[in-house]
Amino acid sequence: MFRYFGEGQEGDMTFTSGNKAIRDHVAEGEDLLLFQKQDRSGMLRFLGQFVCVNTTREPTPDRLGNMRSGIVFHLVPVEALHDVDAAEPEADPNAGGLDLVALRSAAMEAASTGDDQPAEGARRRIYQRSEAVRRYVLARAAGVCECCKAPAPFVRANGEPYLEPHHVRRVSDGGPDDPRYVAGVCPTCHRRIHHGADGKRINDDLGEAILLLERAMDPVKSGKRTRRKHIVA
């Protein structure tokens, strides 16, 4: 986990400007790209795409030497979260009684980064947030691949149709994401998107289809384009 201190030279740090953009990058459809400054040379080294999993506050001096409340972002590489999506879903005794609207509400809430949460247990919270998104996406798919429209190829041991969450905005899958940018797809379509010669075209078409579907459910908030937030550590 990478600790990144927020912006603000004097007084307590607030969730405005760049700090707000980092905290809300998942919900706002922004990729978070992290660069590290190399010693005195000023050269930057690209560390990869990250996800802000939570924030905490710590006392830290401002530029005048006065102590103030600072914001610390806890960032995790997207690649490190791949096993979160690959894990077998946990049984949720409450999920079965929820309708699609309730599942969607939980998934949208999970796309938001928690404020002032302890670093301990962050990975568990990542899993819980990702699981909320996965439950909704697979319920929305209703056992049919959202890419090729074919039925799921088989059922899991728990009787659920087997589909995989695919993050249409990322090179690799894993971790919390806005459900408007996640599709439930069959293994064949999933591999084709990642490894096929026409994978980019299929991914672009799938992303547009999911946005149209979500826009019909939420015409105000859906339809944002992916942007990239660059931060230098």
Protein backbone atom coordinates (compact mmCIF):
# COMPACT_ATOMS: atom_id res chain seq x y z
CA MET A 1 0.00 0.00 0.00
CA PHE A 2 1.32 3.44 -0.98
CA ARG A 3 0.77 6.41 1.37
CA TYR A 4 0.33 9.73 -0.40
CA PHE A 5 -0.05 13.03 1.48
CA GLY A 6 -2.66 15.43 0.14
CA GLU A 7 -2.38 18.98 -1.15
CA GLY A 8 -2.56 22.21 0.86
CA GLN A 9 0.26 24.43 2.10
CA GLU A 10 -1.34 26.16 5.08
CA GLY A 11 -4.06 25.17 7.53
CA ASP A 12 -5.95 21.89 7.68
CA MET A 13 -6.12 19.95 4.42
CA THR A 14 -9.59 19.76 2.91
CA PHE A 15 -11.26 17.59 0.29
CA THR A 16 -11.21 20.21 -2.44
CA SER A 17 -9.46 20.47 -5.80
CA GLY A 18 -6.85 17.72 -6.22
CA ASN A 19 -7.64 16.06 -2.89
CA LYS A 20 -11.28 15.66 -3.87
CA ALA A 21 -10.29 14.35 -7.31
CA ILE A 22 -8.11 11.63 -5.78
CA ARG A 23 -10.70 10.59 -3.20
CA ASP A 24 -13.54 10.45 -5.75
CA HIS A 25 -11.63 9.14 -8.77
CA VAL A 26 -13.51 5.81 -8.88
CA ALA A 27 -16.97 7.34 -8.65
CA GLU A 28 -16.02 10.09 -11.13
CA GLY A 29 -14.64 7.70 -13.74
CA GLU A 30 -11.01 8.81 -13.46
CA ASP A 31 -7.95 6.61 -13.72
CA LEU A 32 -5.35 7.35 -11.02
CA LEU A 33 -1.82 7.27 -12.45
CA LEU A 34 1.04 7.54 -9.96
CA PHE A 35 4.49 8.95 -10.74
CA GLN A 36 7.47 9.11 -8.37
CA LYS A 37 10.04 11.92 -8.47
CA GLN A 38 13.60 10.61 -8.78
CA ASP A 39 15.93 12.28 -6.25
CA ARG A 40 17.33 15.63 -7.39
CA SER A 41 17.19 14.93 -11.10
CA GLY A 42 13.52 15.85 -11.28
CA MET A 43 12.88 12.87 -13.53
CA LEU A 44 9.63 11.01 -12.98
CA ARG A 45 9.17 7.24 -12.83
CA PHE A 46 5.76 5.85 -13.72
CA LEU A 47 4.59 3.49 -10.97
CA GLY A 48 1.34 2.42 -12.61
CA GLN A 49 -2.40 2.74 -12.18
CA PHE A 50 -3.63 2.81 -8.59
CA VAL A 51 -6.90 2.80 -6.66
CA CYS A 52 -7.53 4.95 -3.59
CA VAL A 53 -8.96 2.49 -1.07
CA ASN A 54 -9.41 4.86 1.88
CA THR A 55 -8.15 8.03 3.53
CA THR A 56 -6.94 8.87 7.03
CA ARG A 57 -5.94 12.03 8.82
CA GLU A 58 -2.61 12.62 10.53
CA PRO A 59 -1.07 15.66 12.24
CA THR A 60 1.58 17.20 10.00
CA PRO A 61 3.31 20.63 9.80
CA ASP A 62 2.29 23.09 7.10
CA ARG A 63 4.77 25.26 5.20
CA LEU A 64 4.91 27.71 8.13
CA GLY A 65 5.71 24.96 10.61
CA ASN A 66 2.30 25.02 12.26
CA MET A 67 0.74 21.66 13.04
CA ARG A 68 -2.43 20.92 11.13
CA SER A 69 -4.67 18.00 10.10
CA GLY A 70 -3.29 16.34 6.99
CA ILE A 71 -4.98 13.96 4.58
CA VAL A 72 -3.28 10.67 3.78
CA PHE A 73 -4.48 8.65 0.79
CA HIS A 74 -3.91 4.89 0.86
CA LEU A 75 -3.27 3.74 -2.70
CA VAL A 76 -3.08 0.18 -3.99
CA PRO A 77 -1.92 -0.90 -7.49
CA VAL A 78 -4.76 -2.14 -9.66
CA GLU A 79 -2.77 -5.31 -10.40
CA ALA A 80 -2.66 -6.18 -6.69
CA LEU A 81 -6.45 -6.24 -6.62
CA HIS A 82 -6.88 -8.80 -9.38
CA ASP A 83 -7.33 -11.65 -6.90
CA VAL A 84 -10.23 -9.76 -5.29
CA ASP A 85 -12.37 -10.23 -8.40
CA ALA A 86 -11.01 -13.72 -9.03
CA ALA A 87 -11.97 -15.00 -5.57
CA GLU A 88 -15.03 -17.19 -5.11
CA PRO A 89 -17.99 -15.03 -3.97
CA GLU A 90 -18.88 -15.21 -0.32
CA ALA A 91 -22.40 -16.13 0.64
CA ASP A 92 -24.40 -13.12 1.83
CA PRO A 93 -27.54 -14.07 3.73
CA ASN A 94 -29.02 -10.63 3.03
CA ALA A 95 -28.25 -10.39 -0.70
CA GLY A 96 -30.86 -12.89 -1.81
CA GLY A 97 -33.73 -10.72 -0.63
CA LEU A 98 -32.50 -7.53 -2.34
CA ASP A 99 -33.94 -6.37 -5.64
CA LEU A 100 -31.85 -4.91 -8.44
CA VAL A 101 -32.44 -1.32 -7.30
CA ALA A 102 -31.18 -2.08 -3.79
CA LEU A 103 -28.16 -3.96 -5.14
CA ARG A 104 -27.38 -1.04 -7.44
CA SER A 105 -27.62 1.43 -4.57
CA ALA A 106 -25.16 -0.65 -2.53
CA ALA A 107 -22.82 -0.90 -5.52
CA MET A 108 -22.87 2.84 -6.16
CA GLU A 109 -22.12 3.49 -2.49
CA ALA A 110 -19.23 1.01 -2.67
CA ALA A 111 -17.68 3.05 -5.49
CA SER A 112 -17.03 5.89 -3.00
CA THR A 113 -13.79 5.99 -1.00
CA GLY A 114 -14.25 5.89 2.77
CA ASP A 115 -12.98 8.89 4.74
CA ASP A 116 -11.00 8.72 7.97
CA GLN A 117 -10.89 4.94 8.12
CA PRO A 118 -7.98 3.11 9.77
CA ALA A 119 -5.43 1.52 7.47
CA GLU A 120 -5.89 -1.74 9.35
CA GLY A 121 -8.51 -3.86 7.66
CA ALA A 122 -8.28 -1.89 4.41
CA ARG A 123 -7.94 -5.03 2.32
CA ARG A 124 -11.08 -6.48 3.87
CA ARG A 125 -12.96 -3.28 3.06
CA ILE A 126 -11.68 -3.44 -0.52
CA TYR A 127 -13.10 -6.94 -0.81
CA GLN A 128 -16.45 -5.88 0.62
CA ARG A 129 -16.70 -2.91 -1.75
CA SER A 130 -15.73 -5.05 -4.74
CA GLU A 131 -18.19 -7.74 -3.72
CA ALA A 132 -21.06 -5.23 -3.62
CA VAL A 133 -20.26 -4.16 -7.17
CA ARG A 134 -19.92 -7.75 -8.36
CA ARG A 135 -23.26 -8.78 -6.86
CA TYR A 136 -25.05 -5.98 -8.63
CA VAL A 137 -23.33 -6.48 -11.99
CA LEU A 138 -24.05 -10.21 -12.04
CA ALA A 139 -27.65 -9.60 -10.96
CA ARG A 140 -28.01 -7.04 -13.76
CA ALA A 141 -26.67 -9.58 -16.27
CA ALA A 142 -29.23 -12.14 -15.02
CA GLY A 143 -27.22 -15.13 -16.22
CA VAL A 144 -26.62 -13.75 -19.74
CA CYS A 145 -23.24 -12.45 -20.96
CA GLU A 146 -23.56 -8.69 -21.40
CA CYS A 147 -21.12 -8.89 -24.32
CA CYS A 148 -22.25 -11.75 -26.59
CA LYS A 149 -25.73 -12.18 -25.06
CA ALA A 150 -25.26 -15.94 -24.69
CA PRO A 151 -26.29 -17.74 -21.47
CA ALA A 152 -23.59 -18.32 -18.86
CA PRO A 153 -21.61 -21.44 -19.89
CA PHE A 154 -22.22 -23.25 -16.59
CA VAL A 155 -23.35 -22.71 -13.01
CA ARG A 156 -21.20 -22.36 -9.93
CA ALA A 157 -21.26 -24.90 -7.13
CA ASN A 158 -23.71 -22.59 -5.34
CA GLY A 159 -26.08 -22.68 -8.31
CA GLU A 160 -25.35 -19.18 -9.64
CA PRO A 161 -24.66 -18.67 -13.38
CA TYR A 162 -20.92 -18.32 -13.99
CA LEU A 163 -20.04 -14.90 -15.37
CA GLU A 164 -16.98 -12.77 -14.67
CA PRO A 165 -16.83 -9.05 -13.81
CA HIS A 166 -14.95 -7.10 -16.46
CA HIS A 167 -13.76 -3.53 -15.83
CA VAL A 168 -14.16 -1.81 -19.19
CA ARG A 169 -11.90 1.15 -18.29
CA ARG A 170 -8.90 -0.82 -17.06
CA VAL A 171 -6.17 -2.89 -18.64
CA SER A 172 -6.47 -5.38 -15.76
CA ASP A 173 -9.49 -6.32 -13.67
CA GLY A 174 -9.77 -6.11 -9.91
CA GLY A 175 -10.83 -3.98 -7.00
CA PRO A 176 -13.64 -1.50 -6.44
CA ASP A 177 -15.05 0.34 -9.42
CA ASP A 178 -18.12 2.28 -10.44
CA PRO A 179 -20.70 -0.34 -11.54
CA ARG A 180 -21.42 1.79 -14.62
CA TYR A 181 -18.03 0.67 -15.91
CA VAL A 182 -18.21 -3.03 -15.02
CA ALA A 183 -19.84 -5.74 -17.15
CA GLY A 184 -20.78 -9.33 -16.43
CA VAL A 185 -19.26 -11.40 -19.23
CA CYS A 186 -18.62 -15.05 -20.08
CA PRO A 187 -15.04 -16.40 -19.88
CA THR A 188 -14.70 -16.53 -23.68
CA CYS A 189 -15.64 -12.88 -24.18
CA HIS A 190 -13.47 -11.90 -21.22
CA ARG A 191 -10.37 -13.53 -22.70
CA ARG A 192 -11.17 -12.17 -26.16
CA ILE A 193 -11.35 -8.63 -24.81
CA HIS A 194 -8.01 -8.92 -23.03
CA HIS A 195 -6.13 -10.99 -25.61
CA GLY A 196 -8.00 -10.89 -28.93
CA ALA A 197 -6.98 -8.87 -31.97
CA ASP A 198 -10.37 -7.16 -31.88
CA GLY A 199 -10.42 -6.86 -28.09
CA LYS A 200 -10.29 -3.06 -27.98
CA ARG A 201 -13.22 -2.67 -30.35
CA ILE A 202 -15.30 -5.18 -28.42
CA ASN A 203 -14.41 -3.50 -25.12
CA ASP A 204 -15.35 -0.08 -26.48
CA ASP A 205 -18.68 -1.39 -27.78
CA LEU A 206 -19.35 -3.14 -24.48
CA GLY A 207 -18.55 -0.02 -22.50
CA GLU A 208 -20.99 2.03 -24.55
CA ALA A 209 -23.69 -0.62 -24.15
CA ILE A 210 -23.28 -0.71 -20.37
CA LEU A 211 -23.39 3.10 -20.17
CA LEU A 212 -26.59 3.16 -22.20
CA LEU A 213 -28.09 0.54 -19.91
CA GLU A 214 -27.05 2.44 -16.80
CA ARG A 215 -28.14 5.77 -18.27
CA ALA A 216 -31.64 4.39 -18.59
CA MET A 217 -31.58 3.61 -14.86
CA ASP A 218 -29.92 6.87 -13.83
CA PRO A 219 -30.01 9.51 -16.60
CA VAL A 220 -28.41 12.21 -14.46
CA LYS A 221 -25.26 10.48 -13.27
CA SER A 222 -24.40 8.07 -16.08
CA GLY A 223 -22.41 8.87 -19.17
CA LYS A 224 -19.16 10.30 -17.84
CA ARG A 225 -16.09 9.64 -19.91
CA THR A 226 -12.94 8.17 -18.47
CA ARG A 227 -10.38 10.77 -17.43
CA ARG A 228 -6.96 10.41 -15.91
CA LYS A 229 -5.70 12.01 -12.71
CA HIS A 230 -1.89 12.15 -12.51
CA ILE A 231 -0.21 12.50 -9.13
CA VAL A 232 3.48 12.81 -8.32
CA ALA A 233 4.84 11.33 -5.08
